[in-house]
Protein backbone atom coordinates (compact mmCIF):
# COMPACT_ATOMS: atom_id res chain seq x y z
CA UNK A 1 -12.53 46.53 150.26
CA UNK A 2 -10.01 47.23 147.52
CA UNK A 3 -8.36 50.38 146.30
CA UNK A 4 -7.36 51.32 142.78
CA UNK A 5 -5.47 54.41 141.65
CA UNK A 6 -7.74 55.90 139.01
CA UNK A 7 -6.54 58.49 136.54
CA UNK A 8 -9.20 60.84 135.22
CA UNK A 9 -9.02 63.75 132.83
CA UNK A 10 -9.15 67.03 134.72
CA UNK A 11 -12.51 68.02 133.22
CA UNK A 12 -14.02 64.64 134.16
CA UNK A 13 -12.78 65.00 137.73
CA UNK A 14 -14.27 68.50 137.98
CA UNK A 15 -17.63 67.21 136.69
CA UNK A 16 -17.51 64.32 139.17
CA UNK A 17 -16.72 66.64 142.08
CA UNK A 18 -19.58 68.92 141.09
CA UNK A 19 -22.00 65.97 140.78
CA UNK A 20 -20.92 64.62 144.18
CA UNK A 21 -21.47 68.02 145.78
CA UNK A 22 -24.89 68.34 144.14
CA UNK A 23 -25.87 64.87 145.39
CA UNK A 24 -24.38 65.58 148.82
CA UNK A 25 -22.20 62.45 148.71
CA UNK A 26 -18.47 61.89 148.75
CA UNK A 27 -16.57 61.66 145.50
CA UNK A 28 -15.72 58.06 146.42
CA UNK A 29 -19.41 57.20 146.91
CA UNK A 30 -20.34 58.81 143.60
CA UNK A 31 -17.63 57.04 141.58
CA UNK A 32 -18.33 53.70 143.29
CA UNK A 33 -22.04 54.02 142.46
CA UNK A 34 -21.28 54.95 138.84
CA UNK A 35 -18.95 51.98 138.44
CA UNK A 36 -21.48 49.60 140.00
CA UNK A 37 -24.24 50.96 137.75
CA UNK A 38 -22.00 50.61 134.71
CA UNK A 39 -21.13 47.01 135.57
CA UNK A 40 -24.81 46.21 136.08
CA UNK A 41 -25.67 47.83 132.74
CA UNK A 42 -22.91 45.86 130.99
CA UNK A 43 -24.09 42.62 132.56
CA UNK A 44 -27.67 43.28 131.41
CA UNK A 45 -26.56 44.06 127.85
CA UNK A 46 -24.44 40.90 127.67
CA UNK A 47 -27.34 38.83 128.99
CA UNK A 48 -29.71 40.29 126.39
CA UNK A 49 -27.17 39.65 123.63
CA UNK A 50 -26.85 36.00 124.68
CA UNK A 51 -30.62 35.59 124.74
CA UNK A 52 -30.97 37.29 121.35
CA UNK A 53 -28.37 34.93 119.87
CA UNK A 54 -30.53 31.97 120.93
CA UNK A 55 -33.63 33.50 119.33
CA UNK A 56 -35.32 31.92 116.35
CA UNK A 57 -36.62 34.54 113.94
CA UNK A 58 -38.65 32.03 111.90
CA UNK A 59 -40.38 30.72 115.03
CA UNK A 60 -41.18 34.26 116.19
CA UNK A 61 -42.62 35.20 112.80
CA UNK A 62 -44.67 32.00 112.78
CA UNK A 63 -46.21 32.96 116.12
CA UNK A 64 -47.01 36.44 114.82
CA UNK A 65 -48.57 34.97 111.68
CA UNK A 66 -51.01 33.00 113.87
CA UNK A 67 -52.06 36.06 115.86
CA UNK A 68 -55.57 37.22 114.93
CA UNK A 69 -56.06 40.55 113.20
CA UNK A 70 -57.54 43.01 115.65
CA UNK A 71 -57.93 46.73 115.86
CA UNK A 72 -55.43 48.37 118.23
CA UNK A 73 -56.59 49.69 121.56
CA UNK A 74 -57.24 53.44 121.59
CA UNK A 75 -53.90 55.24 121.73
CA UNK A 76 -51.95 52.24 120.38
CA UNK A 77 -52.43 53.08 116.73
CA UNK A 78 -49.36 53.46 114.52
CA UNK A 79 -48.59 57.03 113.55
CA UNK A 80 -48.23 57.85 109.89
CA UNK A 81 -44.60 58.44 108.96
CA UNK A 82 -43.99 61.91 107.69
CA UNK A 83 -41.22 61.93 105.17
CA UNK A 84 -39.69 65.19 104.05
CA UNK A 85 -40.35 65.95 100.41
CA UNK A 86 -37.32 65.73 98.21
CA UNK A 87 -36.48 68.66 95.98
CA UNK A 88 -35.66 67.56 92.47
């Protein structure tokens, strides 16, 4: 296990202490969990970005063009966009 001296703004530390107390965990446990969650989130975003970069828009549109026209299932219909009227 490693240690790292972390500097936090006073208001962030107070929020963290309050959250730890509410969750009935130590401040160390709370911050460790937040950091682990953040790293996992970052890793997922980077993975999705790499996959998106390999995507082929033309191939995807070609697949969609071959899909048959069908009525949506009940509840899957698109909602009409309501645009605010512009005063002239």
